[in-house]
Amino acid sequence: MLLPERAMANQPQGGAVKNKILARLSPSDLRLLEPNLALVNLPFRKMLEARNRRIEYVYFIHAGFASIVASNKNLQSTEVGIIGVEGVTGLPVLLGASRAMHETYMQLAGYGSRISVAHLRAAMEESATLRRVLLRSAYAFLTQVSFTAVSNGRSKLEARLARWLLMAQDRSDGDDLILTHELLALMLGVRRPGVTTALSALEDKGLINPRRGVIAINDREGLKRAANGAYGSPEAEWQSLFD
């Protein structure tokens, strides 16, 4: 969902804060950020952080989601995590660093509130409660990354795909995900024929309905079972941290 230019202001349309981190800030902490937050469109493939480059802005995503993609020296890439409405980009900044080791770019177009690193750091210095919330979000993301590592190392491709589709749906509006086989292959770090086989297996079980460029989720509970334990723990940890 992209905003019309006239809607580009300091808050989402209607004044509702859709990002769950911003929504959980105290009024005083939110006031620290608001003067320096700018609402921006986040189109598909927009680069939010470049590999080995200084981070200039941190994004609180209101719609859509971003992928964090790691690459080795041979430029072989795989996704290590995703951030959507539940979180905030700029993990290195939250932990006191300035440079990104990985690429972060939009995988599903949307919009978000952007703040410069300098302004965010100044606000974090001023408020211990703001700092605490942002560090909790960093911990929640690291929990997701650790379970991604377990899933990639121990789960079959069908379960990994089921987990990824559930995570994508958590950060999307509705049941239709705009995805291609090539994109899923990159995100899962496998070859396209493997993705095609895994999608077919989930389709045969009636869990999804793949179409050209779109995957419709038919049975979310069935997808959770197909994930075979790979999905749920990081999501429950996030709830325990912020509820």
C-alpha atoms as a PDB file:
ATOM      1  CA  MET A   1       0.000   0.000   0.000  1.00  0.00           C
ATOM      2  CA  LEU A   2       1.533   3.310  -1.054  1.00  0.00           C
ATOM      3  CA  LEU A   3       0.493   6.689   0.263  1.00  0.00           C
ATOM      4  CA  PRO A   4      -0.572   9.532  -1.991  1.00  0.00           C
ATOM      5  CA  GLU A   5       1.877  12.410  -1.816  1.00  0.00           C
ATOM      6  CA  ARG A   6      -0.612  14.612   0.009  1.00  0.00           C
ATOM      7  CA  ALA A   7      -0.684  12.107   2.875  1.00  0.00           C
ATOM      8  CA  MET A   8       3.048  12.316   3.546  1.00  0.00           C
ATOM      9  CA  ALA A   9       3.043  13.809   7.034  1.00  0.00           C
ATOM     10  CA  ASN A  10       4.350  12.960  10.494  1.00  0.00           C
ATOM     11  CA  GLN A  11       1.739  10.311  11.186  1.00  0.00           C
ATOM     12  CA  PRO A  12      -0.273   7.707   9.240  1.00  0.00           C
ATOM     13  CA  GLN A  13      -3.594   8.790   7.825  1.00  0.00           C
ATOM     14  CA  GLY A  14      -6.230   9.267  10.484  1.00  0.00           C
ATOM     15  CA  GLY A  15      -3.592   9.734  13.193  1.00  0.00           C
ATOM     16  CA  ALA A  16      -3.411   6.011  14.017  1.00  0.00           C
ATOM     17  CA  VAL A  17       0.044   4.691  14.863  1.00  0.00           C
ATOM     18  CA  LYS A  18       0.209   1.321  13.107  1.00  0.00           C
ATOM     19  CA  ASN A  19       3.765   0.374  14.020  1.00  0.00           C
ATOM     20  CA  LYS A  20       3.557  -1.709  17.186  1.00  0.00           C
ATOM     21  CA  ILE A  21       6.736  -0.314  18.717  1.00  0.00           C
ATOM     22  CA  LEU A  22       5.593   3.287  18.344  1.00  0.00           C
ATOM     23  CA  ALA A  23       2.137   2.304  19.611  1.00  0.00           C
ATOM     24  CA  ARG A  24       3.671   0.953  22.824  1.00  0.00           C
ATOM     25  CA  LEU A  25       5.677   4.037  23.663  1.00  0.00           C
ATOM     26  CA  SER A  26       4.569   6.282  26.488  1.00  0.00           C
ATOM     27  CA  PRO A  27       3.156   9.647  25.392  1.00  0.00           C
ATOM     28  CA  SER A  28       6.310  11.396  26.622  1.00  0.00           C
ATOM     29  CA  ASP A  29       8.617   9.028  24.701  1.00  0.00           C
ATOM     30  CA  LEU A  30       6.536   9.358  21.554  1.00  0.00           C
ATOM     31  CA  ARG A  31       6.741  13.140  21.846  1.00  0.00           C
ATOM     32  CA  LEU A  32      10.531  12.861  21.876  1.00  0.00           C
ATOM     33  CA  LEU A  33      10.433  11.188  18.450  1.00  0.00           C
ATOM     34  CA  GLU A  34       7.477  12.870  16.754  1.00  0.00           C
ATOM     35  CA  PRO A  35       9.150  16.138  15.670  1.00  0.00           C
ATOM     36  CA  ASN A  36      11.779  14.156  13.746  1.00  0.00           C
ATOM     37  CA  LEU A  37       9.600  11.371  12.307  1.00  0.00           C
ATOM     38  CA  ALA A  38       8.738  11.652   8.617  1.00  0.00           C
ATOM     39  CA  LEU A  39       6.202   9.408   6.931  1.00  0.00           C
ATOM     40  CA  VAL A  40       7.692   7.932   3.750  1.00  0.00           C
ATOM     41  CA  ASN A  41       6.665   5.517   1.045  1.00  0.00           C
ATOM     42  CA  LEU A  42       8.591   2.244   1.092  1.00  0.00           C
ATOM     43  CA  PRO A  43       8.279   0.708  -2.384  1.00  0.00           C
ATOM     44  CA  PHE A  44       9.285  -2.843  -3.273  1.00  0.00           C
ATOM     45  CA  ARG A  45      13.074  -3.332  -3.152  1.00  0.00           C
ATOM     46  CA  LYS A  46      13.763   0.043  -1.553  1.00  0.00           C
ATOM     47  CA  MET A  47      17.143  -0.259   0.163  1.00  0.00           C
ATOM     48  CA  LEU A  48      16.926   0.720   3.826  1.00  0.00           C
ATOM     49  CA  GLU A  49      20.435  -0.378   4.786  1.00  0.00           C
ATOM     50  CA  ALA A  50      23.342  -1.164   2.450  1.00  0.00           C
ATOM     51  CA  ARG A  51      25.963  -3.771   3.232  1.00  0.00           C
ATOM     52  CA  ASN A  52      29.103  -2.331   4.866  1.00  0.00           C
ATOM     53  CA  ARG A  53      27.671   1.197   4.715  1.00  0.00           C
ATOM     54  CA  ARG A  54      26.825   3.655   7.474  1.00  0.00           C
ATOM     55  CA  ILE A  55      23.146   3.627   8.459  1.00  0.00           C
ATOM     56  CA  GLU A  56      21.531   7.035   7.979  1.00  0.00           C
ATOM     57  CA  TYR A  57      17.916   6.383   8.957  1.00  0.00           C
ATOM     58  CA  VAL A  58      15.894   4.006  11.105  1.00  0.00           C
ATOM     59  CA  TYR A  59      12.408   3.001   9.926  1.00  0.00           C
ATOM     60  CA  PHE A  60       9.314   2.175  11.953  1.00  0.00           C
ATOM     61  CA  ILE A  61       7.284   0.215   9.396  1.00  0.00           C
ATOM     62  CA  HIS A  62       3.504   0.762   9.320  1.00  0.00           C
ATOM     63  CA  ALA A  63       2.714  -1.471   6.325  1.00  0.00           C
ATOM     64  CA  GLY A  64       4.730  -3.974   4.301  1.00  0.00           C
ATOM     65  CA  PHE A  65       7.892  -5.674   5.493  1.00  0.00           C
ATOM     66  CA  ALA A  66      11.633  -5.660   4.934  1.00  0.00           C
ATOM     67  CA  SER A  67      14.099  -8.521   4.553  1.00  0.00           C
ATOM     68  CA  ILE A  68      17.542  -8.587   6.125  1.00  0.00           C
ATOM     69  CA  VAL A  69      19.772 -10.438   3.670  1.00  0.00           C
ATOM     70  CA  ALA A  70      23.276 -11.658   4.496  1.00  0.00           C
ATOM     71  CA  SER A  71      25.911 -12.298   1.821  1.00  0.00           C
ATOM     72  CA  ASN A  72      29.300 -14.001   1.959  1.00  0.00           C
ATOM     73  CA  LYS A  73      32.460 -13.009   0.085  1.00  0.00           C
ATOM     74  CA  ASN A  74      31.223 -14.909  -2.980  1.00  0.00           C
ATOM     75  CA  LEU A  75      28.014 -12.823  -2.891  1.00  0.00           C
ATOM     76  CA  GLN A  76      25.889 -15.841  -2.077  1.00  0.00           C
ATOM     77  CA  SER A  77      22.876 -14.439  -0.249  1.00  0.00           C
ATOM     78  CA  THR A  78      20.127 -15.630   2.044  1.00  0.00           C
ATOM     79  CA  GLU A  79      17.554 -13.947   4.240  1.00  0.00           C
ATOM     80  CA  VAL A  80      18.246 -14.032   7.967  1.00  0.00           C
ATOM     81  CA  GLY A  81      15.197 -12.139   9.227  1.00  0.00           C
ATOM     82  CA  ILE A  82      12.220  -9.954   8.394  1.00  0.00           C
ATOM     83  CA  ILE A  83      10.883  -6.780   9.984  1.00  0.00           C
ATOM     84  CA  GLY A  84       7.384  -5.421   9.601  1.00  0.00           C
ATOM     85  CA  VAL A  85       4.791  -3.581  11.615  1.00  0.00           C
ATOM     86  CA  GLU A  86       5.989  -5.338  14.775  1.00  0.00           C
ATOM     87  CA  GLY A  87       9.462  -3.842  14.745  1.00  0.00           C
ATOM     88  CA  VAL A  88      12.023  -1.273  13.701  1.00  0.00           C
ATOM     89  CA  THR A  89      15.024  -1.413  11.400  1.00  0.00           C
ATOM     90  CA  GLY A  90      18.542  -0.358  12.383  1.00  0.00           C
ATOM     91  CA  LEU A  91      19.511  -3.090  14.840  1.00  0.00           C
ATOM     92  CA  PRO A  92      23.207  -2.022  14.749  1.00  0.00           C
ATOM     93  CA  VAL A  93      22.176   1.534  15.701  1.00  0.00           C
ATOM     94  CA  LEU A  94      20.066   0.316  18.627  1.00  0.00           C
ATOM     95  CA  LEU A  95      23.079  -1.640  19.891  1.00  0.00           C
ATOM     96  CA  GLY A  96      25.509   1.246  19.553  1.00  0.00           C
ATOM     97  CA  ALA A  97      27.061   0.566  16.124  1.00  0.00           C
ATOM     98  CA  SER A  98      26.852   2.693  12.982  1.00  0.00           C
ATOM     99  CA  ARG A  99      27.438   0.373  10.029  1.00  0.00           C
ATOM    100  CA  ALA A 100      25.252  -2.356   8.546  1.00  0.00           C
ATOM    101  CA  MET A 101      26.812  -5.770   7.934  1.00  0.00           C
ATOM    102  CA  HIS A 102      23.830  -6.892   5.841  1.00  0.00           C
ATOM    103  CA  GLU A 103      21.403  -5.452   3.315  1.00  0.00           C
ATOM    104  CA  THR A 104      17.916  -4.507   4.447  1.00  0.00           C
ATOM    105  CA  TYR A 105      15.344  -3.792   1.747  1.00  0.00           C
ATOM    106  CA  MET A 106      11.591  -3.829   1.318  1.00  0.00           C
ATOM    107  CA  GLN A 107      10.185  -7.178   0.298  1.00  0.00           C
ATOM    108  CA  LEU A 108       6.537  -6.097   0.428  1.00  0.00           C
ATOM    109  CA  ALA A 109       5.817  -2.465  -0.449  1.00  0.00           C
ATOM    110  CA  GLY A 110       4.308  -0.249   2.219  1.00  0.00           C
ATOM    111  CA  TYR A 111       5.164   2.858   4.193  1.00  0.00           C
ATOM    112  CA  GLY A 112       6.770   3.818   7.467  1.00  0.00           C
ATOM    113  CA  SER A 113       8.017   6.567   9.745  1.00  0.00           C
ATOM    114  CA  ARG A 114      11.673   7.474   9.222  1.00  0.00           C
ATOM    115  CA  ILE A 115      13.996   9.127  11.729  1.00  0.00           C
ATOM    116  CA  SER A 116      17.666  10.019  11.390  1.00  0.00           C
ATOM    117  CA  VAL A 117      20.173   8.051  13.440  1.00  0.00           C
ATOM    118  CA  ALA A 118      21.357  11.246  15.151  1.00  0.00           C
ATOM    119  CA  HIS A 119      17.854  12.182  16.295  1.00  0.00           C
ATOM    120  CA  LEU A 120      17.067   8.652  17.466  1.00  0.00           C
ATOM    121  CA  ARG A 121      20.275   8.414  19.468  1.00  0.00           C
ATOM    122  CA  ALA A 122      19.600  11.770  21.099  1.00  0.00           C
ATOM    123  CA  ALA A 123      16.133  10.586  22.133  1.00  0.00           C
ATOM    124  CA  MET A 124      17.535   7.295  23.467  1.00  0.00           C
ATOM    125  CA  GLU A 125      20.079   9.228  25.532  1.00  0.00           C
ATOM    126  CA  GLU A 126      17.314  11.374  26.991  1.00  0.00           C
ATOM    127  CA  SER A 127      14.874   8.583  27.877  1.00  0.00           C
ATOM    128  CA  ALA A 128      15.722   5.317  29.610  1.00  0.00           C
ATOM    129  CA  THR A 129      12.195   3.994  28.983  1.00  0.00           C
ATOM    130  CA  LEU A 130      12.488   4.626  25.233  1.00  0.00           C
ATOM    131  CA  ARG A 131      15.868   2.932  25.230  1.00  0.00           C
ATOM    132  CA  ARG A 132      14.386  -0.055  27.057  1.00  0.00           C
ATOM    133  CA  VAL A 133      11.564  -0.518  24.511  1.00  0.00           C
ATOM    134  CA  LEU A 134      13.944  -0.295  21.557  1.00  0.00           C
ATOM    135  CA  LEU A 135      16.388  -2.752  23.113  1.00  0.00           C
ATOM    136  CA  ARG A 136      13.515  -5.162  23.717  1.00  0.00           C
ATOM    137  CA  SER A 137      12.632  -4.907  20.030  1.00  0.00           C
ATOM    138  CA  ALA A 138      16.273  -5.686  19.190  1.00  0.00           C
ATOM    139  CA  TYR A 139      16.170  -8.739  21.447  1.00  0.00           C
ATOM    140  CA  ALA A 140      12.899  -9.891  19.858  1.00  0.00           C
ATOM    141  CA  PHE A 141      14.477  -9.652  16.405  1.00  0.00           C
ATOM    142  CA  LEU A 142      17.586 -11.565  17.524  1.00  0.00           C
ATOM    143  CA  THR A 143      15.270 -14.278  18.849  1.00  0.00           C
ATOM    144  CA  GLN A 144      13.689 -14.524  15.399  1.00  0.00           C
ATOM    145  CA  VAL A 145      17.137 -14.759  13.779  1.00  0.00           C
ATOM    146  CA  SER A 146      18.207 -17.546  16.130  1.00  0.00           C
ATOM    147  CA  PHE A 147      15.123 -19.591  15.263  1.00  0.00           C
ATOM    148  CA  THR A 148      15.760 -18.949  11.574  1.00  0.00           C
ATOM    149  CA  ALA A 149      19.191 -20.519  12.054  1.00  0.00           C
ATOM    150  CA  VAL A 150      17.643 -23.562  13.763  1.00  0.00           C
ATOM    151  CA  SER A 151      14.990 -23.852  11.054  1.00  0.00           C
ATOM    152  CA  ASN A 152      17.524 -23.581   8.233  1.00  0.00           C
ATOM    153  CA  GLY A 153      19.755 -26.194   9.816  1.00  0.00           C
ATOM    154  CA  ARG A 154      17.211 -28.705  11.100  1.00  0.00           C
ATOM    155  CA  SER A 155      13.883 -28.319   9.290  1.00  0.00           C
ATOM    156  CA  LYS A 156      12.895 -29.734   5.930  1.00  0.00           C
ATOM    157  CA  LEU A 157      12.284 -27.237   3.161  1.00  0.00           C
ATOM    158  CA  GLU A 158       8.509 -27.683   3.305  1.00  0.00           C
ATOM    159  CA  ALA A 159       8.488 -26.730   7.012  1.00  0.00           C
ATOM    160  CA  ARG A 160      10.823 -23.789   6.403  1.00  0.00           C
ATOM    161  CA  LEU A 161       8.582 -22.533   3.624  1.00  0.00           C
ATOM    162  CA  ALA A 162       5.472 -22.900   5.804  1.00  0.00           C
ATOM    163  CA  ARG A 163       7.191 -20.896   8.555  1.00  0.00           C
ATOM    164  CA  TRP A 164       8.230 -18.141   6.153  1.00  0.00           C
ATOM    165  CA  LEU A 165       4.729 -17.837   4.693  1.00  0.00           C
ATOM    166  CA  LEU A 166       3.271 -17.529   8.183  1.00  0.00           C
ATOM    167  CA  MET A 167       5.783 -14.831   9.099  1.00  0.00           C
ATOM    168  CA  ALA A 168       5.033 -12.966   5.878  1.00  0.00           C
ATOM    169  CA  GLN A 169       1.295 -13.160   6.508  1.00  0.00           C
ATOM    170  CA  ASP A 170       1.809 -11.817  10.048  1.00  0.00           C
ATOM    171  CA  ARG A 171       3.225  -8.678   8.444  1.00  0.00           C
ATOM    172  CA  SER A 172       0.758  -8.385   5.560  1.00  0.00           C
ATOM    173  CA  ASP A 173      -2.805  -7.198   5.070  1.00  0.00           C
ATOM    174  CA  GLY A 174      -4.970 -10.146   4.059  1.00  0.00           C
ATOM    175  CA  ASP A 175      -4.251 -13.670   2.880  1.00  0.00           C
ATOM    176  CA  ASP A 176      -2.698 -12.965  -0.544  1.00  0.00           C
ATOM    177  CA  LEU A 177       1.091 -12.643  -0.572  1.00  0.00           C
ATOM    178  CA  ILE A 178       2.796 -11.105  -3.602  1.00  0.00           C
ATOM    179  CA  LEU A 179       5.680 -13.538  -4.051  1.00  0.00           C
ATOM    180  CA  THR A 180       7.550 -15.267  -6.857  1.00  0.00           C
ATOM    181  CA  HIS A 181       9.414 -18.579  -6.844  1.00  0.00           C
ATOM    182  CA  GLU A 182      12.661 -16.697  -7.478  1.00  0.00           C
ATOM    183  CA  LEU A 183      12.073 -14.484  -4.461  1.00  0.00           C
ATOM    184  CA  LEU A 184      11.271 -17.417  -2.198  1.00  0.00           C
ATOM    185  CA  ALA A 185      14.381 -19.240  -3.404  1.00  0.00           C
ATOM    186  CA  LEU A 186      16.526 -16.264  -2.379  1.00  0.00           C
ATOM    187  CA  MET A 187      14.769 -15.861   0.954  1.00  0.00           C
ATOM    188  CA  LEU A 188      15.201 -19.537   1.833  1.00  0.00           C
ATOM    189  CA  GLY A 189      18.668 -19.909   0.318  1.00  0.00           C
ATOM    190  CA  VAL A 190      17.699 -22.781  -1.982  1.00  0.00           C
ATOM    191  CA  ARG A 191      17.275 -23.411  -5.691  1.00  0.00           C
ATOM    192  CA  ARG A 192      14.004 -22.556  -7.421  1.00  0.00           C
ATOM    193  CA  PRO A 193      13.060 -26.212  -8.213  1.00  0.00           C
ATOM    194  CA  GLY A 194      13.115 -26.944  -4.476  1.00  0.00           C
ATOM    195  CA  VAL A 195      10.728 -24.078  -3.803  1.00  0.00           C
ATOM    196  CA  THR A 196       8.415 -25.279  -6.566  1.00  0.00           C
ATOM    197  CA  THR A 197       8.329 -28.766  -5.050  1.00  0.00           C
ATOM    198  CA  ALA A 198       7.668 -27.453  -1.533  1.00  0.00           C
ATOM    199  CA  LEU A 199       4.906 -25.125  -2.773  1.00  0.00           C
ATOM    200  CA  SER A 200       3.279 -28.035  -4.587  1.00  0.00           C
ATOM    201  CA  ALA A 201       3.362 -30.126  -1.410  1.00  0.00           C
ATOM    202  CA  LEU A 202       1.634 -27.385   0.588  1.00  0.00           C
ATOM    203  CA  GLU A 203      -0.873 -26.867  -2.226  1.00  0.00           C
ATOM    204  CA  ASP A 204      -1.671 -30.588  -2.353  1.00  0.00           C
ATOM    205  CA  LYS A 205      -2.569 -30.401   1.336  1.00  0.00           C
ATOM    206  CA  GLY A 206      -4.949 -27.512   0.610  1.00  0.00           C
ATOM    207  CA  LEU A 207      -2.937 -25.057   2.690  1.00  0.00           C
ATOM    208  CA  ILE A 208      -2.105 -22.543  -0.045  1.00  0.00           C
ATOM    209  CA  ASN A 209      -3.194 -21.606  -3.545  1.00  0.00           C
ATOM    210  CA  PRO A 210      -0.194 -20.446  -5.616  1.00  0.00           C
ATOM    211  CA  ARG A 211      -0.918 -18.289  -8.638  1.00  0.00           C
ATOM    212  CA  ARG A 212       1.405 -16.333 -10.862  1.00  0.00           C
ATOM    213  CA  GLY A 213       3.197 -13.908  -8.561  1.00  0.00           C
ATOM    214  CA  VAL A 214       0.737 -14.486  -5.690  1.00  0.00           C
ATOM    215  CA  ILE A 215       0.383 -17.108  -2.974  1.00  0.00           C
ATOM    216  CA  ALA A 216      -2.994 -17.230  -1.238  1.00  0.00           C
ATOM    217  CA  ILE A 217      -3.070 -18.650   2.293  1.00  0.00           C
ATOM    218  CA  ASN A 218      -6.033 -21.019   2.603  1.00  0.00           C
ATOM    219  CA  ASP A 219      -5.410 -22.723   5.951  1.00  0.00           C
ATOM    220  CA  ARG A 220      -3.261 -20.895   8.496  1.00  0.00           C
ATOM    221  CA  GLU A 221      -3.642 -23.525  11.204  1.00  0.00           C
ATOM    222  CA  GLY A 222      -2.639 -26.179   8.713  1.00  0.00           C
ATOM    223  CA  LEU A 223       0.445 -24.147   7.814  1.00  0.00           C
ATOM    224  CA  LYS A 224       1.394 -24.014  11.492  1.00  0.00           C
ATOM    225  CA  ARG A 225       1.252 -27.801  11.629  1.00  0.00           C
ATOM    226  CA  ALA A 226       3.268 -28.026   8.414  1.00  0.00           C
ATOM    227  CA  ALA A 227       5.932 -25.770   9.978  1.00  0.00           C
ATOM    228  CA  ASN A 228       6.520 -28.648  12.424  1.00  0.00           C
ATOM    229  CA  GLY A 229       7.526 -26.519  15.404  1.00  0.00           C
ATOM    230  CA  ALA A 230       9.604 -24.006  13.423  1.00  0.00           C
ATOM    231  CA  TYR A 231       7.012 -21.243  13.878  1.00  0.00           C
ATOM    232  CA  GLY A 232       5.606 -19.757  17.067  1.00  0.00           C
ATOM    233  CA  SER A 233       8.325 -19.409  19.682  1.00  0.00           C
ATOM    234  CA  PRO A 234       9.741 -16.037  18.540  1.00  0.00           C
ATOM    235  CA  GLU A 235       6.199 -14.742  18.075  1.00  0.00           C
ATOM    236  CA  ALA A 236       5.274 -15.799  21.617  1.00  0.00           C
ATOM    237  CA  GLU A 237       8.455 -14.187  22.954  1.00  0.00           C
ATOM    238  CA  TRP A 238       7.533 -10.909  21.280  1.00  0.00           C
ATOM    239  CA  GLN A 239       4.125 -11.013  22.938  1.00  0.00           C
ATOM    240  CA  SER A 240       5.682 -11.679  26.363  1.00  0.00           C
ATOM    241  CA  LEU A 241       8.038  -8.717  25.931  1.00  0.00           C
ATOM    242  CA  PHE A 242       5.441  -6.170  24.864  1.00  0.00           C
ATOM    243  CA  ASP A 243       2.105  -7.246  26.323  1.00  0.00           C
END
